Amino acid sequence: MEYDQFQMEQLIMNCWNVTEDIDMLFEEVVEGEPTIDNIANILLGLKELYDIRFQKLFRMFEASIKLTTPDEVVKSFNHKIEKVPSFKEHMDSLKNDEVTFEDSDPCL
């Protein structure tokens, strides 16, 4: 299975359908008169369907992990850290700004 970020997102969203399906079953139990066998068959069907959906999602997840090596993760993380100013740089930038309490509070 080839990794596609947008396809993976769609697979994740499809797994959330389980809540809508449970709502539908709930309405059927409350409003209809299903037999225990009908409810059992619906639940077994939902279990099988979502087992397939989650397996497909997990295969996509595994494919995404194989594309990212630990070195790539560290490099990406370090690149993001380099953009964060140090505490001293942040404090120095605040010293240059003449901000009063009234300036920072729009309600005053």
N, C-alpha and C. Protein backbone atom coordinates (compact mmCIF):
# COMPACT_ATOMS: atom_id res chain seq x y z
N MET A 1 0.85 -1.18 0.00
CA MET A 1 0.00 0.00 0.00
C MET A 1 0.89 1.23 0.00
N GLU A 2 0.67 2.13 -0.92
CA GLU A 2 1.44 3.36 -1.02
C GLU A 2 0.87 4.40 -0.07
N TYR A 3 1.76 5.11 0.60
CA TYR A 3 1.32 6.12 1.58
C TYR A 3 0.85 7.38 0.88
N ASP A 4 -0.29 7.85 1.26
CA ASP A 4 -0.84 9.11 0.77
C ASP A 4 -1.48 9.80 1.98
N GLN A 5 -0.94 10.96 2.34
CA GLN A 5 -1.40 11.67 3.53
C GLN A 5 -2.90 11.93 3.51
N PHE A 6 -3.43 12.32 2.36
CA PHE A 6 -4.85 12.65 2.28
C PHE A 6 -5.72 11.40 2.33
N GLN A 7 -5.22 10.32 1.75
CA GLN A 7 -5.95 9.05 1.83
C GLN A 7 -5.96 8.55 3.28
N MET A 8 -4.86 8.73 3.98
CA MET A 8 -4.81 8.32 5.38
C MET A 8 -5.79 9.14 6.21
N GLU A 9 -5.85 10.43 5.94
CA GLU A 9 -6.81 11.28 6.65
C GLU A 9 -8.24 10.79 6.41
N GLN A 10 -8.55 10.42 5.18
CA GLN A 10 -9.88 9.91 4.85
C GLN A 10 -10.17 8.60 5.58
N LEU A 11 -9.17 7.74 5.69
CA LEU A 11 -9.35 6.48 6.41
C LEU A 11 -9.63 6.74 7.89
N ILE A 12 -8.94 7.72 8.46
CA ILE A 12 -9.18 8.07 9.86
C ILE A 12 -10.61 8.57 10.03
N MET A 13 -11.04 9.44 9.13
CA MET A 13 -12.39 9.99 9.22
C MET A 13 -13.44 8.89 9.06
N ASN A 14 -13.18 7.93 8.18
CA ASN A 14 -14.11 6.82 7.99
C ASN A 14 -14.27 5.99 9.26
N CYS A 15 -13.22 5.90 10.04
CA CYS A 15 -13.32 5.13 11.28
C CYS A 15 -14.24 5.82 12.28
N TRP A 16 -14.40 7.13 12.16
CA TRP A 16 -15.31 7.84 13.06
C TRP A 16 -16.77 7.55 12.72
N ASN A 17 -17.02 6.95 11.60
CA ASN A 17 -18.40 6.60 11.25
C ASN A 17 -19.01 5.62 12.25
N VAL A 18 -18.17 4.98 13.03
CA VAL A 18 -18.68 4.01 13.99
C VAL A 18 -19.68 4.68 14.94
N THR A 19 -19.45 5.93 15.28
CA THR A 19 -20.38 6.61 16.19
C THR A 19 -21.74 6.83 15.52
N GLU A 20 -21.73 7.18 14.24
CA GLU A 20 -22.99 7.35 13.51
C GLU A 20 -23.72 6.02 13.37
N ASP A 21 -22.96 4.96 13.14
CA ASP A 21 -23.58 3.64 13.03
C ASP A 21 -24.18 3.18 14.35
N ILE A 22 -23.52 3.49 15.44
CA ILE A 22 -24.07 3.15 16.76
C ILE A 22 -25.33 3.95 17.02
N ASP A 23 -25.33 5.24 16.63
CA ASP A 23 -26.54 6.06 16.76
C ASP A 23 -27.70 5.46 15.98
N MET A 24 -27.41 4.98 14.77
CA MET A 24 -28.46 4.39 13.94
C MET A 24 -29.01 3.11 14.59
N LEU A 25 -28.12 2.29 15.12
CA LEU A 25 -28.57 1.08 15.81
C LEU A 25 -29.39 1.45 17.04
N PHE A 26 -28.95 2.47 17.79
CA PHE A 26 -29.68 2.93 18.96
C PHE A 26 -31.10 3.35 18.59
N GLU A 27 -31.22 4.13 17.51
CA GLU A 27 -32.55 4.57 17.06
C GLU A 27 -33.43 3.37 16.68
N GLU A 28 -32.83 2.40 16.04
CA GLU A 28 -33.58 1.20 15.65
C GLU A 28 -34.08 0.45 16.88
N VAL A 29 -33.24 0.36 17.90
CA VAL A 29 -33.64 -0.35 19.12
C VAL A 29 -34.75 0.43 19.83
N VAL A 30 -34.63 1.75 19.89
CA VAL A 30 -35.61 2.57 20.61
C VAL A 30 -36.91 2.70 19.84
N GLU A 31 -36.83 2.97 18.54
CA GLU A 31 -38.02 3.26 17.76
C GLU A 31 -38.65 2.03 17.11
N GLY A 32 -37.83 1.08 16.78
CA GLY A 32 -38.34 -0.11 16.12
C GLY A 32 -38.57 -1.23 17.11
N GLU A 33 -38.79 -2.39 16.56
CA GLU A 33 -38.94 -3.56 17.42
C GLU A 33 -38.05 -4.67 16.90
N PRO A 34 -36.72 -4.43 16.91
CA PRO A 34 -35.83 -5.46 16.39
C PRO A 34 -35.75 -6.64 17.36
N THR A 35 -35.54 -7.79 16.81
CA THR A 35 -35.35 -8.97 17.66
C THR A 35 -33.90 -8.99 18.13
N ILE A 36 -33.66 -9.82 19.12
CA ILE A 36 -32.29 -9.97 19.61
C ILE A 36 -31.39 -10.48 18.50
N ASP A 37 -31.91 -11.37 17.65
CA ASP A 37 -31.13 -11.88 16.52
C ASP A 37 -30.76 -10.76 15.55
N ASN A 38 -31.71 -9.85 15.27
CA ASN A 38 -31.44 -8.73 14.37
C ASN A 38 -30.33 -7.84 14.93
N ILE A 39 -30.45 -7.54 16.22
CA ILE A 39 -29.44 -6.69 16.87
C ILE A 39 -28.08 -7.38 16.85
N ALA A 40 -28.08 -8.67 17.15
CA ALA A 40 -26.82 -9.42 17.14
C ALA A 40 -26.19 -9.43 15.75
N ASN A 41 -27.00 -9.61 14.71
CA ASN A 41 -26.48 -9.61 13.34
C ASN A 41 -25.92 -8.24 12.96
N ILE A 42 -26.62 -7.19 13.36
CA ILE A 42 -26.13 -5.83 13.06
C ILE A 42 -24.80 -5.60 13.77
N LEU A 43 -24.71 -5.98 15.04
CA LEU A 43 -23.47 -5.78 15.78
C LEU A 43 -22.32 -6.59 15.19
N LEU A 44 -22.58 -7.81 14.78
CA LEU A 44 -21.53 -8.62 14.16
C LEU A 44 -21.08 -8.00 12.84
N GLY A 45 -22.03 -7.49 12.07
CA GLY A 45 -21.69 -6.82 10.82
C GLY A 45 -20.85 -5.57 11.05
N LEU A 46 -21.23 -4.77 12.05
CA LEU A 46 -20.45 -3.58 12.39
C LEU A 46 -19.03 -3.96 12.83
N LYS A 47 -18.94 -5.01 13.64
CA LYS A 47 -17.63 -5.45 14.11
C LYS A 47 -16.75 -5.83 12.93
N GLU A 48 -17.27 -6.60 12.00
CA GLU A 48 -16.49 -7.02 10.83
C GLU A 48 -16.11 -5.82 9.97
N LEU A 49 -17.05 -4.94 9.72
CA LEU A 49 -16.80 -3.76 8.89
C LEU A 49 -15.70 -2.89 9.49
N TYR A 50 -15.79 -2.62 10.79
CA TYR A 50 -14.79 -1.75 11.41
C TYR A 50 -13.47 -2.46 11.62
N ASP A 51 -13.48 -3.76 11.74
CA ASP A 51 -12.23 -4.50 11.79
C ASP A 51 -11.48 -4.30 10.47
N ILE A 52 -12.18 -4.36 9.35
CA ILE A 52 -11.59 -4.13 8.03
C ILE A 52 -11.09 -2.69 7.92
N ARG A 53 -11.91 -1.72 8.33
CA ARG A 53 -11.50 -0.31 8.25
C ARG A 53 -10.25 -0.03 9.08
N PHE A 54 -10.22 -0.54 10.31
CA PHE A 54 -9.06 -0.28 11.17
C PHE A 54 -7.81 -1.00 10.66
N GLN A 55 -7.97 -2.19 10.09
CA GLN A 55 -6.81 -2.89 9.51
C GLN A 55 -6.25 -2.10 8.34
N LYS A 56 -7.13 -1.58 7.48
CA LYS A 56 -6.69 -0.78 6.34
C LYS A 56 -5.98 0.48 6.81
N LEU A 57 -6.53 1.14 7.81
CA LEU A 57 -5.90 2.33 8.37
C LEU A 57 -4.53 2.00 8.95
N PHE A 58 -4.43 0.87 9.66
CA PHE A 58 -3.15 0.51 10.26
C PHE A 58 -2.11 0.18 9.20
N ARG A 59 -2.52 -0.45 8.09
CA ARG A 59 -1.58 -0.71 6.99
C ARG A 59 -1.06 0.61 6.42
N MET A 60 -1.94 1.59 6.28
CA MET A 60 -1.53 2.91 5.78
C MET A 60 -0.57 3.56 6.77
N PHE A 61 -0.86 3.45 8.07
CA PHE A 61 0.01 3.99 9.10
C PHE A 61 1.39 3.35 9.04
N GLU A 62 1.44 2.02 8.90
CA GLU A 62 2.72 1.32 8.78
C GLU A 62 3.50 1.79 7.57
N ALA A 63 2.80 2.01 6.44
CA ALA A 63 3.47 2.49 5.23
C ALA A 63 4.05 3.88 5.47
N SER A 64 3.36 4.72 6.23
CA SER A 64 3.86 6.07 6.50
C SER A 64 5.10 6.02 7.38
N ILE A 65 5.14 5.09 8.31
CA ILE A 65 6.30 4.97 9.20
C ILE A 65 7.52 4.49 8.43
N LYS A 66 7.32 3.59 7.49
CA LYS A 66 8.45 3.08 6.71
C LYS A 66 9.09 4.18 5.88
N LEU A 67 8.35 5.22 5.55
CA LEU A 67 8.89 6.31 4.75
C LEU A 67 9.71 7.29 5.58
N THR A 68 9.56 7.25 6.89
CA THR A 68 10.25 8.19 7.76
C THR A 68 11.26 7.44 8.61
N THR A 69 12.53 7.77 8.42
CA THR A 69 13.56 7.14 9.23
C THR A 69 13.74 7.94 10.51
N PRO A 70 14.29 7.34 11.53
CA PRO A 70 14.52 8.09 12.77
C PRO A 70 15.39 9.32 12.55
N ASP A 71 16.38 9.24 11.64
CA ASP A 71 17.23 10.40 11.36
C ASP A 71 16.42 11.55 10.78
N GLU A 72 15.43 11.25 9.93
CA GLU A 72 14.58 12.30 9.37
C GLU A 72 13.75 12.97 10.44
N VAL A 73 13.26 12.20 11.40
CA VAL A 73 12.47 12.76 12.50
C VAL A 73 13.34 13.70 13.33
N VAL A 74 14.55 13.28 13.67
CA VAL A 74 15.46 14.11 14.48
C VAL A 74 15.82 15.37 13.71
N LYS A 75 16.12 15.24 12.42
CA LYS A 75 16.47 16.41 11.61
C LYS A 75 15.31 17.40 11.57
N SER A 76 14.10 16.91 11.38
CA SER A 76 12.93 17.78 11.34
C SER A 76 12.73 18.48 12.68
N PHE A 77 12.90 17.73 13.77
CA PHE A 77 12.73 18.30 15.10
C PHE A 77 13.79 19.36 15.36
N ASN A 78 15.04 19.07 15.03
CA ASN A 78 16.12 20.03 15.25
C ASN A 78 15.91 21.30 14.43
N HIS A 79 15.41 21.14 13.22
CA HIS A 79 15.15 22.30 12.37
C HIS A 79 14.10 23.21 13.01
N LYS A 80 13.09 22.62 13.60
CA LYS A 80 12.04 23.41 14.25
C LYS A 80 12.58 24.08 15.52
N ILE A 81 13.44 23.39 16.25
CA ILE A 81 14.01 23.93 17.49
C ILE A 81 14.89 25.14 17.18
N GLU A 82 15.61 25.10 16.05
CA GLU A 82 16.50 26.21 15.69
C GLU A 82 15.72 27.50 15.50
N LYS A 83 14.46 27.43 15.15
CA LYS A 83 13.66 28.62 14.91
C LYS A 83 13.13 29.25 16.20
N VAL A 84 13.21 28.53 17.32
CA VAL A 84 12.70 29.04 18.59
C VAL A 84 13.75 29.97 19.20
N PRO A 85 13.38 31.22 19.51
CA PRO A 85 14.37 32.14 20.09
C PRO A 85 14.73 31.71 21.51
N SER A 86 15.94 32.03 21.88
CA SER A 86 16.36 31.72 23.25
C SER A 86 15.64 32.66 24.21
N PHE A 87 15.68 32.31 25.48
CA PHE A 87 15.05 33.15 26.50
C PHE A 87 15.69 34.54 26.51
N LYS A 88 17.01 34.58 26.39
CA LYS A 88 17.72 35.87 26.39
C LYS A 88 17.28 36.70 25.19
N GLU A 89 17.20 36.10 24.02
CA GLU A 89 16.75 36.84 22.83
C GLU A 89 15.35 37.39 23.03
N HIS A 90 14.50 36.58 23.63
CA HIS A 90 13.13 37.01 23.88
C HIS A 90 13.09 38.18 24.85
N MET A 91 13.86 38.09 25.93
CA MET A 91 13.88 39.18 26.91
C MET A 91 14.48 40.45 26.31
N ASP A 92 15.51 40.30 25.49
CA ASP A 92 16.11 41.48 24.83
C ASP A 92 15.11 42.16 23.91
N SER A 93 14.32 41.37 23.22
CA SER A 93 13.32 41.97 22.32
C SER A 93 12.24 42.70 23.12
N LEU A 94 11.95 42.23 24.32
CA LEU A 94 10.96 42.91 25.15
C LEU A 94 11.51 44.23 25.70
N LYS A 95 12.81 44.28 25.96
CA LYS A 95 13.42 45.51 26.46
C LYS A 95 13.30 46.63 25.43
N ASN A 96 13.34 46.27 24.17
CA ASN A 96 13.27 47.27 23.10
C ASN A 96 11.86 47.81 22.90
N ASP A 97 10.88 47.10 23.39
CA ASP A 97 9.50 47.53 23.24
C ASP A 97 9.06 48.29 24.47
N GLU A 98 8.61 49.50 24.29
CA GLU A 98 8.08 50.29 25.40
C GLU A 98 6.58 50.04 25.48
N VAL A 99 6.20 49.04 26.23
CA VAL A 99 4.79 48.67 26.35
C VAL A 99 4.34 48.98 27.77
N THR A 100 3.25 49.70 27.85
CA THR A 100 2.68 49.95 29.17
C THR A 100 1.50 49.02 29.38
N PHE A 101 1.06 48.92 30.62
CA PHE A 101 -0.06 48.05 30.93
C PHE A 101 -1.30 48.46 30.15
N GLU A 102 -1.52 49.78 30.05
CA GLU A 102 -2.71 50.28 29.34
C GLU A 102 -2.67 49.92 27.87
N ASP A 103 -1.46 49.92 27.27
CA ASP A 103 -1.32 49.58 25.86
C ASP A 103 -1.67 48.12 25.58
N SER A 104 -1.43 47.26 26.55
CA SER A 104 -1.64 45.86 26.31
C SER A 104 -3.03 45.37 26.63
N ASP A 105 -3.84 46.19 27.30
CA ASP A 105 -5.19 45.79 27.66
C ASP A 105 -6.19 46.65 26.92
N PRO A 106 -6.92 46.09 25.93
CA PRO A 106 -7.86 46.88 25.15
C PRO A 106 -9.07 47.36 25.97
N CYS A 107 -9.30 46.80 27.13
CA CYS A 107 -10.45 47.19 27.94
C CYS A 107 -10.17 48.45 28.74
N LEU A 108 -8.92 48.86 28.87
CA LEU A 108 -8.59 50.05 29.69
C LEU A 108 -8.56 51.29 28.87
